[in-house]
Amino acid sequence: QNNNNVQIYPNPNNGSFTIEHNLKKGNYVLEIVDLMGKVVHSENITAAQQEISMQQLCKGLYLVNFKSNTDKLMYLTKMSVIN
């Protein structure tokens, strides 16, 4: 489910990116999932704009899940990491 309320940039990136949303205040969870389905990073998102730094990510394609604290999927996209 993609909508214009969530943005991740830049994409592609080197493991560092910004997530920005204009959803109502609340706690959200960002999950980075590799193509094998393994969650390689999970982080609480508490601000409308938050920097994510994951320099340890290997080059490749990942899925980004942005969920509410009730586990409702709010946003899903692909992200390329290039080193």
PDB file of N, CA and C in Angstrom:
ATOM      1  N   GLN A   1       0.857  -1.176   0.000  1.00  0.00           N
ATOM      2  CA  GLN A   1       0.000   0.000   0.000  1.00  0.00           C
ATOM      3  C   GLN A   1       0.895   1.229   0.000  1.00  0.00           C
ATOM      4  N   ASN A   2       0.947   1.928  -1.094  1.00  0.00           N
ATOM      5  CA  ASN A   2       1.755   3.135  -1.184  1.00  0.00           C
ATOM      6  C   ASN A   2       0.841   4.341  -1.219  1.00  0.00           C
ATOM      7  N   ASN A   3       1.272   5.393  -0.579  1.00  0.00           N
ATOM      8  CA  ASN A   3       0.520   6.635  -0.630  1.00  0.00           C
ATOM      9  C   ASN A   3       1.492   7.792  -0.586  1.00  0.00           C
ATOM     10  N   ASN A   4       0.982   8.986  -0.748  1.00  0.00           N
ATOM     11  CA  ASN A   4       1.838  10.163  -0.795  1.00  0.00           C
ATOM     12  C   ASN A   4       2.161  10.700   0.593  1.00  0.00           C
ATOM     13  N   ASN A   5       1.766   9.985   1.641  1.00  0.00           N
ATOM     14  CA  ASN A   5       2.004  10.445   2.997  1.00  0.00           C
ATOM     15  C   ASN A   5       3.367  10.050   3.535  1.00  0.00           C
ATOM     16  N   VAL A   6       4.083   9.175   2.832  1.00  0.00           N
ATOM     17  CA  VAL A   6       5.386   8.694   3.285  1.00  0.00           C
ATOM     18  C   VAL A   6       6.373   8.800   2.130  1.00  0.00           C
ATOM     19  N   GLN A   7       7.567   9.315   2.436  1.00  0.00           N
ATOM     20  CA  GLN A   7       8.627   9.406   1.433  1.00  0.00           C
ATOM     21  C   GLN A   7       9.922   8.879   2.025  1.00  0.00           C
ATOM     22  N   ILE A   8      10.673   8.185   1.201  1.00  0.00           N
ATOM     23  CA  ILE A   8      12.012   7.740   1.567  1.00  0.00           C
ATOM     24  C   ILE A   8      12.957   8.248   0.498  1.00  0.00           C
ATOM     25  N   TYR A   9      13.981   8.965   0.920  1.00  0.00           N
ATOM     26  CA  TYR A   9      14.918   9.552  -0.041  1.00  0.00           C
ATOM     27  C   TYR A   9      16.290   9.676   0.593  1.00  0.00           C
ATOM     28  N   PRO A  10      17.363   9.669  -0.177  1.00  0.00           N
ATOM     29  CA  PRO A  10      17.377   9.336  -1.601  1.00  0.00           C
ATOM     30  C   PRO A  10      17.213   7.835  -1.801  1.00  0.00           C
ATOM     31  N   ASN A  11      16.817   7.479  -2.973  1.00  0.00           N
ATOM     32  CA  ASN A  11      16.682   6.078  -3.351  1.00  0.00           C
ATOM     33  C   ASN A  11      17.065   5.981  -4.820  1.00  0.00           C
ATOM     34  N   PRO A  12      18.184   5.367  -5.151  1.00  0.00           N
ATOM     35  CA  PRO A  12      19.084   4.549  -4.344  1.00  0.00           C
ATOM     36  C   PRO A  12      19.905   5.381  -3.357  1.00  0.00           C
ATOM     37  N   ASN A  13      20.493   4.682  -2.363  1.00  0.00           N
ATOM     38  CA  ASN A  13      21.313   5.331  -1.357  1.00  0.00           C
ATOM     39  C   ASN A  13      22.454   4.405  -0.944  1.00  0.00           C
ATOM     40  N   ASN A  14      23.274   4.883  -0.003  1.00  0.00           N
ATOM     41  CA  ASN A  14      24.421   4.090   0.461  1.00  0.00           C
ATOM     42  C   ASN A  14      24.160   3.467   1.831  1.00  0.00           C
ATOM     43  N   GLY A  15      22.904   3.393   2.232  1.00  0.00           N
ATOM     44  CA  GLY A  15      22.547   2.869   3.543  1.00  0.00           C
ATOM     45  C   GLY A  15      22.081   3.957   4.491  1.00  0.00           C
ATOM     46  N   SER A  16      22.275   5.207   4.099  1.00  0.00           N
ATOM     47  CA  SER A  16      21.776   6.344   4.869  1.00  0.00           C
ATOM     48  C   SER A  16      20.676   7.014   4.067  1.00  0.00           C
ATOM     49  N   PHE A  17      19.537   7.224   4.715  1.00  0.00           N
ATOM     50  CA  PHE A  17      18.417   7.850   4.023  1.00  0.00           C
ATOM     51  C   PHE A  17      17.519   8.540   5.029  1.00  0.00           C
ATOM     52  N   THR A  18      16.562   9.278   4.525  1.00  0.00           N
ATOM     53  CA  THR A  18      15.596   9.993   5.344  1.00  0.00           C
ATOM     54  C   THR A  18      14.224   9.418   5.084  1.00  0.00           C
ATOM     55  N   ILE A  19      13.463   9.232   6.150  1.00  0.00           N
ATOM     56  CA  ILE A  19      12.059   8.868   6.007  1.00  0.00           C
ATOM     57  C   ILE A  19      11.249  10.050   6.528  1.00  0.00           C
ATOM     58  N   GLU A  20      10.254  10.420   5.758  1.00  0.00           N
ATOM     59  CA  GLU A  20       9.426  11.572   6.095  1.00  0.00           C
ATOM     60  C   GLU A  20       7.965  11.184   5.904  1.00  0.00           C
ATOM     61  N   HIS A  21       7.132  11.581   6.846  1.00  0.00           N
ATOM     62  CA  HIS A  21       5.704  11.274   6.714  1.00  0.00           C
ATOM     63  C   HIS A  21       4.874  12.423   7.253  1.00  0.00           C
ATOM     64  N   ASN A  22       3.645  12.496   6.788  1.00  0.00           N
ATOM     65  CA  ASN A  22       2.714  13.497   7.306  1.00  0.00           C
ATOM     66  C   ASN A  22       1.456  12.817   7.839  1.00  0.00           C
ATOM     67  N   LEU A  23       1.665  11.680   8.486  1.00  0.00           N
ATOM     68  CA  LEU A  23       0.581  10.953   9.130  1.00  0.00           C
ATOM     69  C   LEU A  23       0.338  11.548  10.516  1.00  0.00           C
ATOM     70  N   LYS A  24      -0.783  11.185  11.116  1.00  0.00           N
ATOM     71  CA  LYS A  24      -1.059  11.702  12.452  1.00  0.00           C
ATOM     72  C   LYS A  24       0.025  11.245  13.422  1.00  0.00           C
ATOM     73  N   LYS A  25       0.200  12.040  14.487  1.00  0.00           N
ATOM     74  CA  LYS A  25       1.230  11.706  15.472  1.00  0.00           C
ATOM     75  C   LYS A  25       0.996  10.318  16.024  1.00  0.00           C
ATOM     76  N   GLY A  26       2.082   9.637  16.246  1.00  0.00           N
ATOM     77  CA  GLY A  26       1.998   8.287  16.778  1.00  0.00           C
ATOM     78  C   GLY A  26       3.339   7.606  16.668  1.00  0.00           C
ATOM     79  N   ASN A  27       3.369   6.381  17.081  1.00  0.00           N
ATOM     80  CA  ASN A  27       4.587   5.583  16.968  1.00  0.00           C
ATOM     81  C   ASN A  27       4.464   4.668  15.769  1.00  0.00           C
ATOM     82  N   TYR A  28       5.492   4.673  14.957  1.00  0.00           N
ATOM     83  CA  TYR A  28       5.528   3.847  13.765  1.00  0.00           C
ATOM     84  C   TYR A  28       6.798   3.012  13.794  1.00  0.00           C
ATOM     85  N   VAL A  29       6.822   1.961  13.004  1.00  0.00           N
ATOM     86  CA  VAL A  29       7.981   1.078  12.937  1.00  0.00           C
ATOM     87  C   VAL A  29       8.432   0.974  11.484  1.00  0.00           C
ATOM     88  N   LEU A  30       9.720   1.165  11.269  1.00  0.00           N
ATOM     89  CA  LEU A  30      10.335   0.998   9.962  1.00  0.00           C
ATOM     90  C   LEU A  30      11.063  -0.333   9.968  1.00  0.00           C
ATOM     91  N   GLU A  31      10.772  -1.179   8.992  1.00  0.00           N
ATOM     92  CA  GLU A  31      11.475  -2.447   8.845  1.00  0.00           C
ATOM     93  C   GLU A  31      12.148  -2.486   7.491  1.00  0.00           C
ATOM     94  N   ILE A  32      13.410  -2.912   7.483  1.00  0.00           N
ATOM     95  CA  ILE A  32      14.150  -3.142   6.255  1.00  0.00           C
ATOM     96  C   ILE A  32      14.266  -4.659   6.109  1.00  0.00           C
ATOM     97  N   VAL A  33      13.785  -5.188   4.983  1.00  0.00           N
ATOM     98  CA  VAL A  33      13.710  -6.633   4.775  1.00  0.00           C
ATOM     99  C   VAL A  33      14.508  -6.983   3.523  1.00  0.00           C
ATOM    100  N   ASP A  34      15.379  -7.991   3.636  1.00  0.00           N
ATOM    101  CA  ASP A  34      16.111  -8.410   2.442  1.00  0.00           C
ATOM    102  C   ASP A  34      15.208  -9.270   1.562  1.00  0.00           C
ATOM    103  N   LEU A  35      15.684  -9.622   0.392  1.00  0.00           N
ATOM    104  CA  LEU A  35      14.842 -10.349  -0.555  1.00  0.00           C
ATOM    105  C   LEU A  35      14.592 -11.798  -0.152  1.00  0.00           C
ATOM    106  N   MET A  36      15.271 -12.262   0.882  1.00  0.00           N
ATOM    107  CA  MET A  36      15.006 -13.600   1.416  1.00  0.00           C
ATOM    108  C   MET A  36      13.913 -13.554   2.485  1.00  0.00           C
ATOM    109  N   GLY A  37      13.453 -12.336   2.820  1.00  0.00           N
ATOM    110  CA  GLY A  37      12.391 -12.179   3.812  1.00  0.00           C
ATOM    111  C   GLY A  37      12.883 -11.942   5.221  1.00  0.00           C
ATOM    112  N   LYS A  38      14.194 -11.811   5.404  1.00  0.00           N
ATOM    113  CA  LYS A  38      14.761 -11.593   6.729  1.00  0.00           C
ATOM    114  C   LYS A  38      14.741 -10.099   7.064  1.00  0.00           C
ATOM    115  N   VAL A  39      14.217  -9.761   8.249  1.00  0.00           N
ATOM    116  CA  VAL A  39      14.252  -8.377   8.713  1.00  0.00           C
ATOM    117  C   VAL A  39      15.682  -8.073   9.145  1.00  0.00           C
ATOM    118  N   VAL A  40      16.343  -7.164   8.420  1.00  0.00           N
ATOM    119  CA  VAL A  40      17.737  -6.846   8.718  1.00  0.00           C
ATOM    120  C   VAL A  40      17.852  -5.601   9.596  1.00  0.00           C
ATOM    121  N   HIS A  41      16.756  -4.855   9.730  1.00  0.00           N
ATOM    122  CA  HIS A  41      16.752  -3.670  10.593  1.00  0.00           C
ATOM    123  C   HIS A  41      15.320  -3.324  10.948  1.00  0.00           C
ATOM    124  N   SER A  42      15.112  -2.940  12.194  1.00  0.00           N
ATOM    125  CA  SER A  42      13.805  -2.484  12.656  1.00  0.00           C
ATOM    126  C   SER A  42      14.056  -1.296  13.573  1.00  0.00           C
ATOM    127  N   GLU A  43      13.283  -0.232  13.389  1.00  0.00           N
ATOM    128  CA  GLU A  43      13.516   0.988  14.155  1.00  0.00           C
ATOM    129  C   GLU A  43      12.197   1.712  14.382  1.00  0.00           C
ATOM    130  N   ASN A  44      12.015   2.225  15.594  1.00  0.00           N
ATOM    131  CA  ASN A  44      10.836   3.040  15.883  1.00  0.00           C
ATOM    132  C   ASN A  44      10.997   4.410  15.245  1.00  0.00           C
ATOM    133  N   ILE A  45       9.936   4.879  14.627  1.00  0.00           N
ATOM    134  CA  ILE A  45       9.916   6.205  14.016  1.00  0.00           C
ATOM    135  C   ILE A  45       8.964   7.058  14.835  1.00  0.00           C
ATOM    136  N   THR A  46       9.500   8.074  15.487  1.00  0.00           N
ATOM    137  CA  THR A  46       8.683   8.907  16.364  1.00  0.00           C
ATOM    138  C   THR A  46       8.569  10.343  15.882  1.00  0.00           C
ATOM    139  N   ALA A  47       9.323  10.695  14.856  1.00  0.00           N
ATOM    140  CA  ALA A  47       9.297  12.062  14.327  1.00  0.00           C
ATOM    141  C   ALA A  47       8.756  12.058  12.906  1.00  0.00           C
ATOM    142  N   ALA A  48       8.277  13.198  12.455  1.00  0.00           N
ATOM    143  CA  ALA A  48       7.744  13.315  11.103  1.00  0.00           C
ATOM    144  C   ALA A  48       8.846  13.206  10.056  1.00  0.00           C
ATOM    145  N   GLN A  49      10.090  13.483  10.459  1.00  0.00           N
ATOM    146  CA  GLN A  49      11.240  13.331   9.571  1.00  0.00           C
ATOM    147  C   GLN A  49      12.368  12.737  10.402  1.00  0.00           C
ATOM    148  N   GLN A  50      12.914  11.625   9.941  1.00  0.00           N
ATOM    149  CA  GLN A  50      13.944  10.945  10.719  1.00  0.00           C
ATOM    150  C   GLN A  50      15.024  10.408   9.795  1.00  0.00           C
ATOM    151  N   GLU A  51      16.271  10.630  10.210  1.00  0.00           N
ATOM    152  CA  GLU A  51      17.422  10.120   9.470  1.00  0.00           C
ATOM    153  C   GLU A  51      17.696   8.685   9.901  1.00  0.00           C
ATOM    154  N   ILE A  52      17.944   7.828   8.930  1.00  0.00           N
ATOM    155  CA  ILE A  52      18.280   6.435   9.186  1.00  0.00           C
ATOM    156  C   ILE A  52      19.679   6.196   8.629  1.00  0.00           C
ATOM    157  N   SER A  53      20.558   5.667   9.460  1.00  0.00           N
ATOM    158  CA  SER A  53      21.922   5.395   9.015  1.00  0.00           C
ATOM    159  C   SER A  53      22.215   3.920   9.212  1.00  0.00           C
ATOM    160  N   MET A  54      22.375   3.232   8.109  1.00  0.00           N
ATOM    161  CA  MET A  54      22.628   1.800   8.128  1.00  0.00           C
ATOM    162  C   MET A  54      23.779   1.478   7.185  1.00  0.00           C
ATOM    163  N   GLN A  55      24.925   2.020   7.480  1.00  0.00           N
ATOM    164  CA  GLN A  55      26.084   1.853   6.615  1.00  0.00           C
ATOM    165  C   GLN A  55      26.492   0.389   6.467  1.00  0.00           C
ATOM    166  N   GLN A  56      26.049  -0.482   7.386  1.00  0.00           N
ATOM    167  CA  GLN A  56      26.433  -1.890   7.343  1.00  0.00           C
ATOM    168  C   GLN A  56      25.643  -2.691   6.323  1.00  0.00           C
ATOM    169  N   LEU A  57      24.611  -2.094   5.718  1.00  0.00           N
ATOM    170  CA  LEU A  57      23.829  -2.828   4.724  1.00  0.00           C
ATOM    171  C   LEU A  57      24.680  -3.155   3.504  1.00  0.00           C
ATOM    172  N   CYS A  58      24.559  -4.367   3.043  1.00  0.00           N
ATOM    173  CA  CYS A  58      25.254  -4.779   1.822  1.00  0.00           C
ATOM    174  C   CYS A  58      24.535  -4.197   0.611  1.00  0.00           C
ATOM    175  N   LYS A  59      25.287  -4.025  -0.451  1.00  0.00           N
ATOM    176  CA  LYS A  59      24.729  -3.569  -1.708  1.00  0.00           C
ATOM    177  C   LYS A  59      23.603  -4.510  -2.130  1.00  0.00           C
ATOM    178  N   GLY A  60      22.488  -3.956  -2.594  1.00  0.00           N
ATOM    179  CA  GLY A  60      21.395  -4.803  -3.049  1.00  0.00           C
ATOM    180  C   GLY A  60      20.048  -4.125  -2.949  1.00  0.00           C
ATOM    181  N   LEU A  61      19.020  -4.913  -3.158  1.00  0.00           N
ATOM    182  CA  LEU A  61      17.649  -4.438  -3.146  1.00  0.00           C
ATOM    183  C   LEU A  61      16.982  -4.898  -1.851  1.00  0.00           C
ATOM    184  N   TYR A  62      16.234  -3.987  -1.223  1.00  0.00           N
ATOM    185  CA  TYR A  62      15.549  -4.269   0.025  1.00  0.00           C
ATOM    186  C   TYR A  62      14.101  -3.801  -0.070  1.00  0.00           C
ATOM    187  N   LEU A  63      13.259  -4.376   0.751  1.00  0.00           N
ATOM    188  CA  LEU A  63      11.892  -3.900   0.904  1.00  0.00           C
ATOM    189  C   LEU A  63      11.835  -3.067   2.168  1.00  0.00           C
ATOM    190  N   VAL A  64      11.103  -1.961   2.106  1.00  0.00           N
ATOM    191  CA  VAL A  64      10.934  -1.086   3.256  1.00  0.00           C
ATOM    192  C   VAL A  64       9.470  -1.134   3.658  1.00  0.00           C
ATOM    193  N   ASN A  65       9.214  -1.571   4.895  1.00  0.00           N
ATOM    194  CA  ASN A  65       7.869  -1.600   5.454  1.00  0.00           C
ATOM    195  C   ASN A  65       7.760  -0.497   6.491  1.00  0.00           C
ATOM    196  N   PHE A  66       6.724   0.291   6.395  1.00  0.00           N
ATOM    197  CA  PHE A  66       6.449   1.339   7.378  1.00  0.00           C
ATOM    198  C   PHE A  66       5.099   1.005   7.986  1.00  0.00           C
ATOM    199  N   LYS A  67       5.103   0.657   9.279  1.00  0.00           N
ATOM    200  CA  LYS A  67       3.901   0.144   9.931  1.00  0.00           C
ATOM    201  C   LYS A  67       3.499   1.015  11.115  1.00  0.00           C
ATOM    202  N   SER A  68       2.217   0.970  11.439  1.00  0.00           N
ATOM    203  CA  SER A  68       1.756   1.601  12.662  1.00  0.00           C
ATOM    204  C   SER A  68       2.114   0.700  13.834  1.00  0.00           C
ATOM    205  N   ASN A  69       1.981   1.226  15.042  1.00  0.00           N
ATOM    206  CA  ASN A  69       2.308   0.404  16.216  1.00  0.00           C
ATOM    207  C   ASN A  69       1.312  -0.734  16.412  1.00  0.00           C
ATOM    208  N   THR A  70       0.213  -0.734  15.663  1.00  0.00           N
ATOM    209  CA  THR A  70      -0.727  -1.857  15.705  1.00  0.00           C
ATOM    210  C   THR A  70      -0.444  -2.844  14.581  1.00  0.00           C
ATOM    211  N   ASP A  71       0.719  -2.707  13.934  1.00  0.00           N
ATOM    212  CA  ASP A  71       1.196  -3.605  12.889  1.00  0.00           C
ATOM    213  C   ASP A  71       0.450  -3.441  11.567  1.00  0.00           C
ATOM    214  N   LYS A  72      -0.284  -2.340  11.400  1.00  0.00           N
ATOM    215  CA  LYS A  72      -0.952  -2.070  10.126  1.00  0.00           C
ATOM    216  C   LYS A  72       0.076  -1.492   9.148  1.00  0.00           C
ATOM    217  N   LEU A  73       0.179  -2.094   7.976  1.00  0.00           N
ATOM    218  CA  LEU A  73       1.127  -1.629   6.967  1.00  0.00           C
ATOM    219  C   LEU A  73       0.646  -0.301   6.393  1.00  0.00           C
ATOM    220  N   MET A  74       1.467   0.742   6.533  1.00  0.00           N
ATOM    221  CA  MET A  74       1.122   2.072   6.050  1.00  0.00           C
ATOM    222  C   MET A  74       1.795   2.390   4.715  1.00  0.00           C
ATOM    223  N   TYR A  75       2.940   1.754   4.474  1.00  0.00           N
ATOM    224  CA  TYR A  75       3.725   2.076   3.279  1.00  0.00           C
ATOM    225  C   TYR A  75       4.665   0.914   2.998  1.00  0.00           C
ATOM    226  N   LEU A  76       4.839   0.602   1.725  1.00  0.00           N
ATOM    227  CA  LEU A  76       5.745  -0.457   1.294  1.00  0.00           C
ATOM    228  C   LEU A  76       6.412   0.001   0.015  1.00  0.00           C
ATOM    229  N   THR A  77       7.730  -0.098  -0.052  1.00  0.00           N
ATOM    230  CA  THR A  77       8.448   0.274  -1.269  1.00  0.00           C
ATOM    231  C   THR A  77       9.748  -0.530  -1.350  1.00  0.00           C
ATOM    232  N   LYS A  78      10.384  -0.466  -2.492  1.00  0.00           N
ATOM    233  CA  LYS A  78      11.690  -1.072  -2.700  1.00  0.00           C
ATOM    234  C   LYS A  78      12.747   0.009  -2.515  1.00  0.00           C
ATOM    235  N   MET A  79      13.909  -0.395  -2.015  1.00  0.00           N
ATOM    236  CA  MET A  79      15.015   0.532  -1.835  1.00  0.00           C
ATOM    237  C   MET A  79      16.293  -0.138  -2.316  1.00  0.00           C
ATOM    238  N   SER A  80      17.060   0.580  -3.103  1.00  0.00           N
ATOM    239  CA  SER A  80      18.354   0.086  -3.586  1.00  0.00           C
ATOM    240  C   SER A  80      19.477   0.682  -2.770  1.00  0.00           C
ATOM    241  N   VAL A  81      20.386  -0.188  -2.326  1.00  0.00           N
ATOM    242  CA  VAL A  81      21.579   0.263  -1.628  1.00  0.00           C
ATOM    243  C   VAL A  81      22.760   0.046  -2.560  1.00  0.00           C
ATOM    244  N   ILE A  82      23.456   1.118  -2.828  1.00  0.00           N
ATOM    245  CA  ILE A  82      24.647   1.063  -3.685  1.00  0.00           C
ATOM    246  C   ILE A  82      25.827   1.589  -2.860  1.00  0.00           C
ATOM    247  N   ASN A  83      26.920   0.883  -2.895  1.00  0.00           N
ATOM    248  CA  ASN A  83      28.102   1.312  -2.124  1.00  0.00           C
ATOM    249  C   ASN A  83      29.213   1.721  -3.059  1.00  0.00           C
TER     250      ASN A  83
END
